[in-house]
Amino acid sequence: MPNLNVDHFHQKLTLLMLNTEDPLLLVDTNLNIVTFNEPFKNQYQIFFGTEVLKGTSILNYTHPERLENLKKIYKEVFDGRSYETEIEFNLLENHVTTILNKFKPALDENGIIIGAFISSIDITEKKRLLEIQRLSEKRFQALIENTNEIISLSNLEGNVLYVSPAIEKITGFTPKEITDKTYFIKIHPDQVEDSKKILGQLIKNPGVSIPRVHRLLHKE
């Protein structure tokens, strides 16, 4: 595999490194570190308490347990594929830090792969917020599925996208028998037009509650 011509790409690399906010590292096809930006240097110093040196092998900074897997990743990248990994480690006591590493082929002006770009992004806070959202959605789903009230979600045409399990207890229809069908077919014919008007009002006034008493068809 060809080595990276540092002189030829020096200007472009300098601009790239100066204008990239995420920690960014470049290695050649021999896995030697060509260059990196300040965010990468600072991040590595904070997380691992050591300095990254240009010209040294990236494998020197890899945990022994990840060494073989990392070699396989670089092999795929040098074959033209992009790759992502997540690494979790304890930066502080009882505090897990998660780093997202993105590996992408580095190409010269002729489209030949001459190395790999690696960006390392701290996604700890993002994962924490996603976990909070997941737990919130899980609690909300449990609340809906265990309520004795019918809760449904319809699209603009009145087709049911979701209905809570309570529908079967009240009307005899299962959620599967209701979903993907228009809700109006279960409403008493005398109240269909009124229901359509209410739907129109809700569409025009998001967040507004409109109470109505309707008669629904029972399966029996």
N, C-alpha and C. Protein backbone atom coordinates (compact mmCIF):
# COMPACT_ATOMS: atom_id res chain seq x y z
N MET A 1 0.83 -1.20 0.00
CA MET A 1 0.00 0.00 0.00
C MET A 1 0.87 1.26 0.00
N PRO A 2 0.47 2.29 -0.69
CA PRO A 2 1.29 3.50 -0.78
C PRO A 2 1.30 4.27 0.53
N ASN A 3 2.43 4.95 0.78
CA ASN A 3 2.52 5.78 1.97
C ASN A 3 1.94 7.15 1.68
N LEU A 4 1.52 7.83 2.74
CA LEU A 4 0.92 9.14 2.58
C LEU A 4 2.00 10.18 2.31
N ASN A 5 1.85 10.95 1.24
CA ASN A 5 2.78 12.01 0.91
C ASN A 5 2.40 13.25 1.71
N VAL A 6 3.06 13.46 2.82
CA VAL A 6 2.69 14.53 3.75
C VAL A 6 2.87 15.90 3.11
N ASP A 7 3.96 16.09 2.35
CA ASP A 7 4.22 17.39 1.74
C ASP A 7 3.13 17.78 0.76
N HIS A 8 2.68 16.82 -0.04
CA HIS A 8 1.69 17.10 -1.07
C HIS A 8 0.35 17.53 -0.47
N PHE A 9 0.01 16.97 0.67
CA PHE A 9 -1.30 17.25 1.28
C PHE A 9 -1.21 18.18 2.49
N HIS A 10 -0.02 18.74 2.72
CA HIS A 10 0.19 19.52 3.94
C HIS A 10 -0.80 20.69 4.05
N GLN A 11 -0.97 21.44 2.97
CA GLN A 11 -1.86 22.60 3.02
C GLN A 11 -3.31 22.20 3.28
N LYS A 12 -3.76 21.18 2.54
CA LYS A 12 -5.14 20.73 2.71
C LYS A 12 -5.36 20.14 4.11
N LEU A 13 -4.40 19.39 4.58
CA LEU A 13 -4.53 18.79 5.91
C LEU A 13 -4.56 19.86 6.99
N THR A 14 -3.74 20.88 6.81
CA THR A 14 -3.70 21.96 7.79
C THR A 14 -5.05 22.66 7.87
N LEU A 15 -5.63 22.96 6.71
CA LEU A 15 -6.94 23.60 6.68
C LEU A 15 -8.01 22.71 7.30
N LEU A 16 -7.93 21.42 6.97
CA LEU A 16 -8.91 20.48 7.51
C LEU A 16 -8.82 20.40 9.03
N MET A 17 -7.61 20.29 9.53
CA MET A 17 -7.42 20.15 10.96
C MET A 17 -7.82 21.42 11.71
N LEU A 18 -7.54 22.58 11.11
CA LEU A 18 -7.87 23.85 11.75
C LEU A 18 -9.37 24.12 11.78
N ASN A 19 -10.09 23.57 10.80
CA ASN A 19 -11.51 23.88 10.67
C ASN A 19 -12.43 22.74 11.11
N THR A 20 -11.87 21.73 11.75
CA THR A 20 -12.67 20.62 12.24
C THR A 20 -12.76 20.70 13.76
N GLU A 21 -13.97 20.83 14.28
CA GLU A 21 -14.15 20.98 15.72
C GLU A 21 -14.07 19.66 16.46
N ASP A 22 -14.53 18.58 15.82
CA ASP A 22 -14.46 17.27 16.47
C ASP A 22 -13.01 16.78 16.48
N PRO A 23 -12.63 16.04 17.52
CA PRO A 23 -11.28 15.46 17.55
C PRO A 23 -11.03 14.61 16.31
N LEU A 24 -9.93 14.88 15.59
CA LEU A 24 -9.67 14.21 14.32
C LEU A 24 -8.21 13.78 14.23
N LEU A 25 -8.01 12.54 13.75
CA LEU A 25 -6.68 11.96 13.64
C LEU A 25 -6.53 11.37 12.24
N LEU A 26 -5.30 11.42 11.70
CA LEU A 26 -5.02 10.83 10.40
C LEU A 26 -3.85 9.87 10.52
N VAL A 27 -4.04 8.64 10.06
CA VAL A 27 -2.96 7.66 10.03
C VAL A 27 -2.73 7.22 8.59
N ASP A 28 -1.50 6.77 8.28
CA ASP A 28 -1.23 6.27 6.94
C ASP A 28 -1.52 4.78 6.89
N THR A 29 -1.28 4.16 5.75
CA THR A 29 -1.61 2.74 5.58
C THR A 29 -0.68 1.81 6.36
N ASN A 30 0.38 2.38 6.93
CA ASN A 30 1.25 1.60 7.82
C ASN A 30 0.85 1.77 9.28
N LEU A 31 -0.30 2.47 9.48
CA LEU A 31 -0.86 2.73 10.81
C LEU A 31 0.00 3.67 11.65
N ASN A 32 0.81 4.49 10.97
CA ASN A 32 1.57 5.51 11.67
C ASN A 32 0.78 6.81 11.70
N ILE A 33 0.84 7.52 12.82
CA ILE A 33 0.09 8.76 12.99
C ILE A 33 0.74 9.87 12.16
N VAL A 34 -0.03 10.44 11.24
CA VAL A 34 0.46 11.52 10.38
C VAL A 34 0.24 12.87 11.05
N THR A 35 -0.99 13.12 11.49
CA THR A 35 -1.30 14.39 12.13
C THR A 35 -2.61 14.27 12.89
N PHE A 36 -2.90 15.27 13.69
CA PHE A 36 -4.15 15.33 14.45
C PHE A 36 -4.40 16.79 14.82
N ASN A 37 -5.65 17.11 15.15
CA ASN A 37 -5.96 18.48 15.52
C ASN A 37 -5.88 18.68 17.03
N GLU A 38 -6.01 19.92 17.45
CA GLU A 38 -5.91 20.24 18.88
C GLU A 38 -6.99 19.57 19.72
N PRO A 39 -8.28 19.54 19.24
CA PRO A 39 -9.30 18.85 20.03
C PRO A 39 -8.95 17.38 20.32
N PHE A 40 -8.34 16.70 19.34
CA PHE A 40 -7.95 15.31 19.57
C PHE A 40 -6.83 15.23 20.61
N LYS A 41 -5.85 16.09 20.46
CA LYS A 41 -4.73 16.12 21.40
C LYS A 41 -5.21 16.37 22.82
N ASN A 42 -6.10 17.36 22.97
CA ASN A 42 -6.59 17.70 24.30
C ASN A 42 -7.48 16.59 24.89
N GLN A 43 -8.34 16.01 24.03
CA GLN A 43 -9.22 14.95 24.50
C GLN A 43 -8.41 13.75 24.98
N TYR A 44 -7.42 13.36 24.20
CA TYR A 44 -6.62 12.20 24.58
C TYR A 44 -5.85 12.46 25.87
N GLN A 45 -5.35 13.67 26.02
CA GLN A 45 -4.61 14.03 27.22
C GLN A 45 -5.51 13.96 28.45
N ILE A 46 -6.74 14.45 28.31
CA ILE A 46 -7.69 14.43 29.44
C ILE A 46 -8.10 13.02 29.80
N PHE A 47 -8.42 12.22 28.79
CA PHE A 47 -8.95 10.87 29.05
C PHE A 47 -7.88 9.89 29.51
N PHE A 48 -6.69 9.99 28.92
CA PHE A 48 -5.68 8.96 29.18
C PHE A 48 -4.42 9.48 29.85
N GLY A 49 -4.32 10.80 30.02
CA GLY A 49 -3.19 11.35 30.75
C GLY A 49 -1.86 11.19 30.06
N THR A 50 -1.86 11.03 28.75
CA THR A 50 -0.60 10.89 28.01
C THR A 50 -0.70 11.64 26.69
N GLU A 51 0.44 11.89 26.07
CA GLU A 51 0.48 12.67 24.85
C GLU A 51 0.58 11.75 23.63
N VAL A 52 -0.14 12.11 22.56
CA VAL A 52 -0.05 11.38 21.30
C VAL A 52 1.06 12.01 20.47
N LEU A 53 1.92 11.18 19.89
CA LEU A 53 3.06 11.67 19.13
C LEU A 53 2.94 11.32 17.66
N LYS A 54 3.21 12.30 16.80
CA LYS A 54 3.20 12.06 15.37
C LYS A 54 4.35 11.12 14.99
N GLY A 55 4.11 10.28 14.00
CA GLY A 55 5.14 9.36 13.54
C GLY A 55 5.16 8.04 14.27
N THR A 56 4.42 7.94 15.35
CA THR A 56 4.35 6.68 16.10
C THR A 56 3.16 5.86 15.61
N SER A 57 3.17 4.58 15.91
CA SER A 57 2.07 3.70 15.48
C SER A 57 0.84 3.92 16.33
N ILE A 58 -0.32 3.97 15.67
CA ILE A 58 -1.56 4.14 16.41
C ILE A 58 -1.82 2.95 17.32
N LEU A 59 -1.21 1.81 16.98
CA LEU A 59 -1.39 0.60 17.80
C LEU A 59 -0.73 0.74 19.16
N ASN A 60 0.22 1.66 19.27
CA ASN A 60 0.88 1.87 20.56
C ASN A 60 -0.07 2.46 21.60
N TYR A 61 -1.18 3.04 21.11
CA TYR A 61 -2.13 3.70 22.01
C TYR A 61 -3.41 2.88 22.18
N THR A 62 -3.35 1.62 21.78
CA THR A 62 -4.51 0.75 21.81
C THR A 62 -4.42 -0.25 22.94
N HIS A 63 -5.52 -0.44 23.66
CA HIS A 63 -5.55 -1.44 24.72
C HIS A 63 -5.32 -2.82 24.11
N PRO A 64 -4.49 -3.65 24.75
CA PRO A 64 -4.17 -4.98 24.20
C PRO A 64 -5.39 -5.82 23.83
N GLU A 65 -6.48 -5.67 24.58
CA GLU A 65 -7.67 -6.46 24.30
C GLU A 65 -8.36 -6.03 23.01
N ARG A 66 -8.11 -4.80 22.56
CA ARG A 66 -8.75 -4.28 21.36
C ARG A 66 -7.83 -4.32 20.14
N LEU A 67 -6.60 -4.78 20.33
CA LEU A 67 -5.59 -4.68 19.29
C LEU A 67 -5.98 -5.42 18.01
N GLU A 68 -6.34 -6.69 18.13
CA GLU A 68 -6.68 -7.49 16.95
C GLU A 68 -7.93 -6.97 16.24
N ASN A 69 -8.91 -6.55 17.03
CA ASN A 69 -10.14 -6.02 16.44
C ASN A 69 -9.85 -4.72 15.69
N LEU A 70 -8.96 -3.90 16.25
CA LEU A 70 -8.62 -2.63 15.60
C LEU A 70 -7.88 -2.88 14.28
N LYS A 71 -7.03 -3.88 14.25
CA LYS A 71 -6.33 -4.21 13.01
C LYS A 71 -7.33 -4.60 11.92
N LYS A 72 -8.36 -5.35 12.31
CA LYS A 72 -9.39 -5.77 11.35
C LYS A 72 -10.17 -4.56 10.83
N ILE A 73 -10.44 -3.61 11.75
CA ILE A 73 -11.16 -2.40 11.34
C ILE A 73 -10.35 -1.61 10.32
N TYR A 74 -9.06 -1.41 10.59
CA TYR A 74 -8.22 -0.67 9.65
C TYR A 74 -8.12 -1.39 8.31
N LYS A 75 -8.08 -2.70 8.33
CA LYS A 75 -8.03 -3.46 7.08
C LYS A 75 -9.28 -3.18 6.24
N GLU A 76 -10.45 -3.14 6.90
CA GLU A 76 -11.69 -2.85 6.18
C GLU A 76 -11.70 -1.42 5.65
N VAL A 77 -11.19 -0.49 6.46
CA VAL A 77 -11.14 0.91 6.04
C VAL A 77 -10.22 1.08 4.83
N PHE A 78 -9.08 0.41 4.85
CA PHE A 78 -8.15 0.50 3.73
C PHE A 78 -8.68 -0.23 2.49
N ASP A 79 -9.73 -1.03 2.69
CA ASP A 79 -10.42 -1.66 1.55
C ASP A 79 -11.56 -0.79 1.04
N GLY A 80 -11.72 0.39 1.66
CA GLY A 80 -12.71 1.33 1.16
C GLY A 80 -13.98 1.45 1.97
N ARG A 81 -14.05 0.82 3.13
CA ARG A 81 -15.27 0.86 3.94
C ARG A 81 -15.12 1.84 5.09
N SER A 82 -16.26 2.40 5.51
CA SER A 82 -16.30 3.24 6.71
C SER A 82 -16.73 2.37 7.89
N TYR A 83 -16.37 2.78 9.08
CA TYR A 83 -16.62 1.94 10.26
C TYR A 83 -16.87 2.83 11.46
N GLU A 84 -17.71 2.35 12.38
CA GLU A 84 -17.97 3.07 13.62
C GLU A 84 -17.87 2.12 14.80
N THR A 85 -17.30 2.59 15.89
CA THR A 85 -17.26 1.80 17.12
C THR A 85 -17.57 2.70 18.31
N GLU A 86 -18.09 2.11 19.36
CA GLU A 86 -18.30 2.83 20.61
C GLU A 86 -17.44 2.19 21.69
N ILE A 87 -16.75 3.01 22.44
CA ILE A 87 -15.89 2.53 23.53
C ILE A 87 -16.35 3.16 24.83
N GLU A 88 -16.54 2.33 25.82
CA GLU A 88 -16.92 2.82 27.15
C GLU A 88 -15.78 2.55 28.13
N PHE A 89 -15.48 3.54 28.96
CA PHE A 89 -14.46 3.35 29.98
C PHE A 89 -14.77 4.27 31.16
N ASN A 90 -14.22 3.93 32.30
CA ASN A 90 -14.45 4.70 33.52
C ASN A 90 -13.42 5.81 33.63
N LEU A 91 -13.87 7.02 33.33
CA LEU A 91 -12.99 8.18 33.46
C LEU A 91 -12.87 8.58 34.92
N LEU A 92 -13.99 8.58 35.61
CA LEU A 92 -14.04 8.87 37.04
C LEU A 92 -14.80 7.74 37.72
N GLU A 93 -14.72 7.67 39.04
CA GLU A 93 -15.40 6.62 39.77
C GLU A 93 -16.91 6.73 39.55
N ASN A 94 -17.52 5.59 39.17
CA ASN A 94 -18.97 5.51 38.92
C ASN A 94 -19.42 6.43 37.79
N HIS A 95 -18.50 6.75 36.88
CA HIS A 95 -18.87 7.60 35.74
C HIS A 95 -18.33 6.96 34.47
N VAL A 96 -19.24 6.49 33.61
CA VAL A 96 -18.85 5.84 32.37
C VAL A 96 -18.84 6.87 31.24
N THR A 97 -17.72 6.95 30.55
CA THR A 97 -17.59 7.83 29.39
C THR A 97 -17.69 7.00 28.12
N THR A 98 -18.47 7.47 27.16
CA THR A 98 -18.65 6.75 25.90
C THR A 98 -18.09 7.59 24.75
N ILE A 99 -17.19 6.99 23.99
CA ILE A 99 -16.57 7.65 22.85
C ILE A 99 -17.01 6.95 21.56
N LEU A 100 -17.50 7.72 20.60
CA LEU A 100 -17.85 7.18 19.29
C LEU A 100 -16.68 7.45 18.34
N ASN A 101 -16.08 6.38 17.82
CA ASN A 101 -14.99 6.50 16.87
C ASN A 101 -15.51 6.22 15.46
N LYS A 102 -15.25 7.14 14.55
CA LYS A 102 -15.65 6.96 13.15
C LYS A 102 -14.39 6.83 12.29
N PHE A 103 -14.31 5.74 11.56
CA PHE A 103 -13.16 5.46 10.70
C PHE A 103 -13.59 5.64 9.23
N LYS A 104 -12.84 6.46 8.49
CA LYS A 104 -13.16 6.67 7.07
C LYS A 104 -11.87 6.65 6.25
N PRO A 105 -11.93 6.09 5.03
CA PRO A 105 -10.75 6.08 4.17
C PRO A 105 -10.31 7.50 3.83
N ALA A 106 -9.00 7.73 3.81
CA ALA A 106 -8.43 9.00 3.35
C ALA A 106 -7.93 8.79 1.93
N LEU A 107 -8.40 9.63 1.01
CA LEU A 107 -8.08 9.47 -0.40
C LEU A 107 -7.18 10.59 -0.91
N ASP A 108 -6.32 10.26 -1.87
CA ASP A 108 -5.54 11.31 -2.50
C ASP A 108 -6.34 11.90 -3.67
N GLU A 109 -5.74 12.78 -4.44
CA GLU A 109 -6.47 13.45 -5.52
C GLU A 109 -6.87 12.50 -6.64
N ASN A 110 -6.26 11.33 -6.68
CA ASN A 110 -6.58 10.33 -7.70
C ASN A 110 -7.56 9.27 -7.18
N GLY A 111 -8.07 9.48 -5.95
CA GLY A 111 -9.02 8.54 -5.39
C GLY A 111 -8.39 7.30 -4.81
N ILE A 112 -7.07 7.31 -4.62
CA ILE A 112 -6.36 6.16 -4.04
C ILE A 112 -6.35 6.30 -2.52
N ILE A 113 -6.64 5.19 -1.85
CA ILE A 113 -6.66 5.19 -0.38
C ILE A 113 -5.23 5.25 0.14
N ILE A 114 -4.94 6.28 0.90
CA ILE A 114 -3.59 6.49 1.41
C ILE A 114 -3.54 6.51 2.93
N GLY A 115 -4.67 6.28 3.57
CA GLY A 115 -4.70 6.30 5.02
C GLY A 115 -6.12 6.24 5.54
N ALA A 116 -6.28 6.67 6.78
CA ALA A 116 -7.61 6.65 7.41
C ALA A 116 -7.76 7.85 8.32
N PHE A 117 -8.94 8.47 8.24
CA PHE A 117 -9.31 9.52 9.19
C PHE A 117 -10.09 8.87 10.33
N ILE A 118 -9.78 9.28 11.55
CA ILE A 118 -10.51 8.78 12.72
C ILE A 118 -10.98 9.98 13.52
N SER A 119 -12.28 10.10 13.69
CA SER A 119 -12.83 11.14 14.56
C SER A 119 -13.34 10.49 15.83
N SER A 120 -13.06 11.12 16.96
CA SER A 120 -13.46 10.58 18.26
C SER A 120 -14.36 11.57 18.96
N ILE A 121 -15.62 11.21 19.13
CA ILE A 121 -16.62 12.12 19.68
C ILE A 121 -17.13 11.60 21.01
N ASP A 122 -17.13 12.45 22.01
CA ASP A 122 -17.68 12.08 23.32
C ASP A 122 -19.21 12.15 23.24
N ILE A 123 -19.87 10.99 23.30
CA ILE A 123 -21.32 10.94 23.20
C ILE A 123 -21.97 10.54 24.53
N THR A 124 -21.23 10.73 25.62
CA THR A 124 -21.72 10.32 26.94
C THR A 124 -23.05 11.00 27.27
N GLU A 125 -23.10 12.32 27.09
CA GLU A 125 -24.31 13.07 27.43
C GLU A 125 -25.46 12.70 26.50
N LYS A 126 -25.14 12.51 25.22
CA LYS A 126 -26.16 12.12 24.24
C LYS A 126 -26.78 10.78 24.62
N LYS A 127 -25.95 9.82 25.02
CA LYS A 127 -26.45 8.50 25.41
C LYS A 127 -27.28 8.59 26.68
N ARG A 128 -26.86 9.47 27.60
CA ARG A 128 -27.62 9.65 28.83
C ARG A 128 -29.01 10.19 28.54
N LEU A 129 -29.09 11.18 27.65
CA LEU A 129 -30.38 11.76 27.29
C LEU A 129 -31.25 10.75 26.56
N LEU A 130 -30.64 9.94 25.69
CA LEU A 130 -31.39 8.90 24.98
C LEU A 130 -31.93 7.85 25.94
N GLU A 131 -31.15 7.52 26.96
CA GLU A 131 -31.61 6.55 27.94
C GLU A 131 -32.77 7.11 28.77
N ILE A 132 -32.67 8.39 29.11
CA ILE A 132 -33.77 9.05 29.84
C ILE A 132 -35.03 9.04 28.97
N GLN A 133 -34.87 9.34 27.68
CA GLN A 133 -36.00 9.34 26.76
C GLN A 133 -36.59 7.94 26.63
N ARG A 134 -35.71 6.93 26.54
CA ARG A 134 -36.18 5.54 26.41
C ARG A 134 -36.99 5.12 27.63
N LEU A 135 -36.49 5.46 28.82
CA LEU A 135 -37.20 5.10 30.05
C LEU A 135 -38.52 5.85 30.16
N SER A 136 -38.50 7.12 29.72
CA SER A 136 -39.73 7.92 29.75
C SER A 136 -40.78 7.33 28.82
N GLU A 137 -40.34 6.93 27.61
CA GLU A 137 -41.27 6.33 26.65
C GLU A 137 -41.78 4.98 27.15
N LYS A 138 -40.91 4.24 27.84
CA LYS A 138 -41.30 2.94 28.38
C LYS A 138 -42.37 3.11 29.46
N ARG A 139 -42.16 4.11 30.34
CA ARG A 139 -43.16 4.38 31.39
C ARG A 139 -44.47 4.85 30.78
N PHE A 140 -44.37 5.72 29.76
CA PHE A 140 -45.56 6.25 29.10
C PHE A 140 -46.33 5.12 28.43
N GLN A 141 -45.61 4.21 27.78
CA GLN A 141 -46.25 3.07 27.12
C GLN A 141 -46.94 2.17 28.14
N ALA A 142 -46.25 1.94 29.28
CA ALA A 142 -46.84 1.10 30.33
C ALA A 142 -48.10 1.75 30.88
N LEU A 143 -48.06 3.08 31.02
CA LEU A 143 -49.22 3.81 31.53
C LEU A 143 -50.40 3.68 30.59
N ILE A 144 -50.15 3.85 29.29
CA ILE A 144 -51.23 3.77 28.30
C ILE A 144 -51.79 2.36 28.21
N GLU A 145 -50.90 1.37 28.21
CA GLU A 145 -51.34 -0.01 28.00
C GLU A 145 -52.07 -0.59 29.21
N ASN A 146 -51.92 0.04 30.35
CA ASN A 146 -52.58 -0.46 31.55
C ASN A 146 -53.75 0.40 32.01
N THR A 147 -54.08 1.43 31.25
CA THR A 147 -55.21 2.27 31.62
C THR A 147 -56.52 1.62 31.18
N ASN A 148 -57.60 1.97 31.83
CA ASN A 148 -58.92 1.46 31.48
C ASN A 148 -59.61 2.32 30.43
N GLU A 149 -58.92 3.36 29.98
CA GLU A 149 -59.49 4.27 28.99
C GLU A 149 -58.95 3.94 27.60
N ILE A 150 -59.78 4.19 26.60
CA ILE A 150 -59.34 4.02 25.22
C ILE A 150 -58.53 5.25 24.82
N ILE A 151 -57.29 5.02 24.44
CA ILE A 151 -56.43 6.10 23.94
C ILE A 151 -56.00 5.72 22.54
N SER A 152 -56.29 6.57 21.58
CA SER A 152 -55.95 6.25 20.19
C SER A 152 -55.20 7.40 19.54
N LEU A 153 -54.47 7.04 18.50
CA LEU A 153 -53.75 8.02 17.69
C LEU A 153 -54.17 7.82 16.24
N SER A 154 -54.65 8.90 15.63
CA SER A 154 -55.12 8.82 14.24
C SER A 154 -54.34 9.80 13.37
N ASN A 155 -54.33 9.52 12.05
CA ASN A 155 -53.70 10.46 11.12
C ASN A 155 -54.72 11.50 10.67
N LEU A 156 -54.36 12.33 9.72
CA LEU A 156 -55.23 13.42 9.29
C LEU A 156 -56.51 12.93 8.61
N GLU A 157 -56.49 11.70 8.11
CA GLU A 157 -57.68 11.15 7.45
C GLU A 157 -58.58 10.40 8.42
N GLY A 158 -58.17 10.29 9.68
CA GLY A 158 -58.97 9.58 10.65
C GLY A 158 -58.66 8.10 10.74
N ASN A 159 -57.61 7.65 10.05
CA ASN A 159 -57.21 6.25 10.16
C ASN A 159 -56.45 6.03 11.46
N VAL A 160 -56.78 4.96 12.15
CA VAL A 160 -56.19 4.69 13.46
C VAL A 160 -54.77 4.14 13.30
N LEU A 161 -53.81 4.83 13.89
CA LEU A 161 -52.42 4.39 13.87
C LEU A 161 -52.09 3.55 15.10
N TYR A 162 -52.73 3.89 16.21
CA TYR A 162 -52.52 3.15 17.46
C TYR A 162 -53.77 3.28 18.31
N VAL A 163 -54.09 2.21 19.05
CA VAL A 163 -55.18 2.26 20.02
C VAL A 163 -54.79 1.39 21.20
N SER A 164 -55.07 1.85 22.39
CA SER A 164 -54.67 1.14 23.60
C SER A 164 -55.46 -0.16 23.77
N PRO A 165 -54.91 -1.13 24.51
CA PRO A 165 -55.57 -2.42 24.72
C PRO A 165 -56.96 -2.33 25.33
N ALA A 166 -57.28 -1.21 26.01
CA ALA A 166 -58.59 -1.06 26.64
C ALA A 166 -59.73 -1.11 25.63
N ILE A 167 -59.41 -0.93 24.34
CA ILE A 167 -60.44 -0.97 23.31
C ILE A 167 -61.18 -2.30 23.31
N GLU A 168 -60.46 -3.39 23.57
CA GLU A 168 -61.10 -4.71 23.54
C GLU A 168 -62.04 -4.90 24.72
N LYS A 169 -61.64 -4.40 25.87
CA LYS A 169 -62.48 -4.54 27.06
C LYS A 169 -63.79 -3.75 26.91
N ILE A 170 -63.73 -2.61 26.23
CA ILE A 170 -64.89 -1.73 26.12
C ILE A 170 -65.77 -2.05 24.91
N THR A 171 -65.13 -2.37 23.77
CA THR A 171 -65.92 -2.57 22.54
C THR A 171 -65.90 -4.00 22.02
N GLY A 172 -64.98 -4.82 22.53
CA GLY A 172 -64.88 -6.19 22.04
C GLY A 172 -63.93 -6.33 20.87
N PHE A 173 -63.57 -5.23 20.21
CA PHE A 173 -62.61 -5.26 19.12
C PHE A 173 -61.18 -5.23 19.67
N THR A 174 -60.30 -6.02 19.08
CA THR A 174 -58.89 -5.99 19.48
C THR A 174 -58.20 -4.80 18.82
N PRO A 175 -57.08 -4.34 19.37
CA PRO A 175 -56.34 -3.24 18.73
C PRO A 175 -55.99 -3.56 17.27
N LYS A 176 -55.69 -4.82 16.97
CA LYS A 176 -55.35 -5.22 15.61
C LYS A 176 -56.53 -5.03 14.66
N GLU A 177 -57.76 -5.25 15.17
CA GLU A 177 -58.95 -5.10 14.33
C GLU A 177 -59.30 -3.64 14.08
N ILE A 178 -58.76 -2.75 14.89
CA ILE A 178 -59.05 -1.32 14.77
C ILE A 178 -57.96 -0.59 14.00
N THR A 179 -56.71 -0.97 14.24
CA THR A 179 -55.58 -0.27 13.63
C THR A 179 -55.62 -0.35 12.12
N ASP A 180 -55.21 0.75 11.47
CA ASP A 180 -55.17 0.89 10.01
C ASP A 180 -56.56 1.03 9.39
N LYS A 181 -57.58 1.15 10.22
CA LYS A 181 -58.94 1.37 9.70
C LYS A 181 -59.42 2.74 10.15
N THR A 182 -60.38 3.30 9.44
CA THR A 182 -60.92 4.59 9.84
C THR A 182 -61.74 4.45 11.11
N TYR A 183 -61.50 5.36 12.05
CA TYR A 183 -62.18 5.32 13.33
C TYR A 183 -63.68 5.59 13.19
N PHE A 184 -64.05 6.23 12.09
CA PHE A 184 -65.44 6.64 11.92
C PHE A 184 -66.39 5.45 11.72
N ILE A 185 -65.87 4.30 11.24
CA ILE A 185 -66.76 3.16 11.01
C ILE A 185 -67.25 2.56 12.32
N LYS A 186 -66.62 2.91 13.44
CA LYS A 186 -67.04 2.38 14.74
C LYS A 186 -67.94 3.38 15.49
N ILE A 187 -68.11 4.56 14.91
CA ILE A 187 -68.94 5.59 15.54
C ILE A 187 -70.36 5.49 14.98
N HIS A 188 -71.33 5.77 15.81
CA HIS A 188 -72.73 5.73 15.38
C HIS A 188 -72.92 6.64 14.16
N PRO A 189 -73.63 6.16 13.13
CA PRO A 189 -73.81 6.93 11.89
C PRO A 189 -74.29 8.35 12.11
N ASP A 190 -75.13 8.55 13.14
CA ASP A 190 -75.66 9.90 13.40
C ASP A 190 -74.57 10.87 13.87
N GLN A 191 -73.41 10.33 14.30
CA GLN A 191 -72.37 11.20 14.88
C GLN A 191 -71.10 11.26 14.04
N VAL A 192 -71.12 10.60 12.89
CA VAL A 192 -69.92 10.57 12.05
C VAL A 192 -69.54 11.98 11.57
N GLU A 193 -70.50 12.72 11.06
CA GLU A 193 -70.20 14.06 10.54
C GLU A 193 -69.67 14.97 11.63
N ASP A 194 -70.25 14.86 12.83
CA ASP A 194 -69.78 15.67 13.96
C ASP A 194 -68.33 15.31 14.30
N SER A 195 -68.02 13.99 14.24
CA SER A 195 -66.67 13.54 14.55
C SER A 195 -65.67 14.06 13.53
N LYS A 196 -66.07 14.10 12.26
CA LYS A 196 -65.19 14.61 11.22
C LYS A 196 -64.92 16.11 11.40
N LYS A 197 -65.95 16.84 11.84
CA LYS A 197 -65.77 18.26 12.10
C LYS A 197 -64.80 18.48 13.25
N ILE A 198 -64.93 17.64 14.28
CA ILE A 198 -64.03 17.75 15.44
C ILE A 198 -62.59 17.48 15.01
N LEU A 199 -62.41 16.45 14.16
CA LEU A 199 -61.07 16.14 13.66
C LEU A 199 -60.49 17.34 12.92
N GLY A 200 -61.32 17.98 12.10
CA GLY A 200 -60.87 19.17 11.38
C GLY A 200 -60.47 20.30 12.31
N GLN A 201 -61.23 20.47 13.39
CA GLN A 201 -60.91 21.52 14.37
C GLN A 201 -59.61 21.21 15.09
N LEU A 202 -59.38 19.93 15.40
CA LEU A 202 -58.15 19.54 16.09
C LEU A 202 -56.93 19.77 15.20
N ILE A 203 -57.08 19.50 13.91
CA ILE A 203 -55.98 19.69 12.97
C ILE A 203 -55.61 21.17 12.88
N LYS A 204 -56.62 22.04 12.91
CA LYS A 204 -56.37 23.48 12.80
C LYS A 204 -55.92 24.09 14.12
N ASN A 205 -56.17 23.38 15.23
CA ASN A 205 -55.84 23.93 16.56
C ASN A 205 -55.08 22.90 17.39
N PRO A 206 -53.82 22.65 17.04
CA PRO A 206 -53.01 21.67 17.79
C PRO A 206 -52.94 21.99 19.28
N GLY A 207 -53.09 20.98 20.11
CA GLY A 207 -52.99 21.16 21.56
C GLY A 207 -54.31 21.48 22.23
N VAL A 208 -55.35 21.73 21.44
CA VAL A 208 -56.66 22.07 22.01
C VAL A 208 -57.44 20.79 22.28
N SER A 209 -58.09 20.72 23.43
CA SER A 209 -58.93 19.56 23.77
C SER A 209 -60.38 19.89 23.47
N ILE A 210 -61.07 18.95 22.82
CA ILE A 210 -62.49 19.14 22.50
C ILE A 210 -63.28 17.94 23.05
N PRO A 211 -63.98 18.10 24.16
CA PRO A 211 -64.73 16.97 24.73
C PRO A 211 -66.03 16.71 23.96
N ARG A 212 -66.33 15.44 23.72
CA ARG A 212 -67.57 15.03 23.05
C ARG A 212 -68.00 13.67 23.60
N VAL A 213 -69.29 13.40 23.58
CA VAL A 213 -69.82 12.09 23.94
C VAL A 213 -70.23 11.39 22.65
N HIS A 214 -69.63 10.21 22.40
CA HIS A 214 -69.94 9.46 21.20
C HIS A 214 -70.38 8.04 21.55
N ARG A 215 -71.21 7.48 20.67
CA ARG A 215 -71.57 6.08 20.80
C ARG A 215 -70.73 5.26 19.84
N LEU A 216 -70.10 4.21 20.38
CA LEU A 216 -69.23 3.35 19.58
C LEU A 216 -69.88 2.00 19.37
N LEU A 217 -69.63 1.41 18.22
CA LEU A 217 -70.14 0.09 17.90
C LEU A 217 -69.43 -0.97 18.74
N HIS A 218 -70.19 -1.89 19.33
CA HIS A 218 -69.63 -3.03 20.04
C HIS A 218 -69.53 -4.20 19.09
N LYS A 219 -68.53 -5.03 19.24
CA LYS A 219 -68.31 -6.15 18.32
C LYS A 219 -69.50 -7.10 18.26
N GLU A 220 -70.25 -7.20 19.37
CA GLU A 220 -71.39 -8.11 19.42
C GLU A 220 -72.70 -7.41 19.09
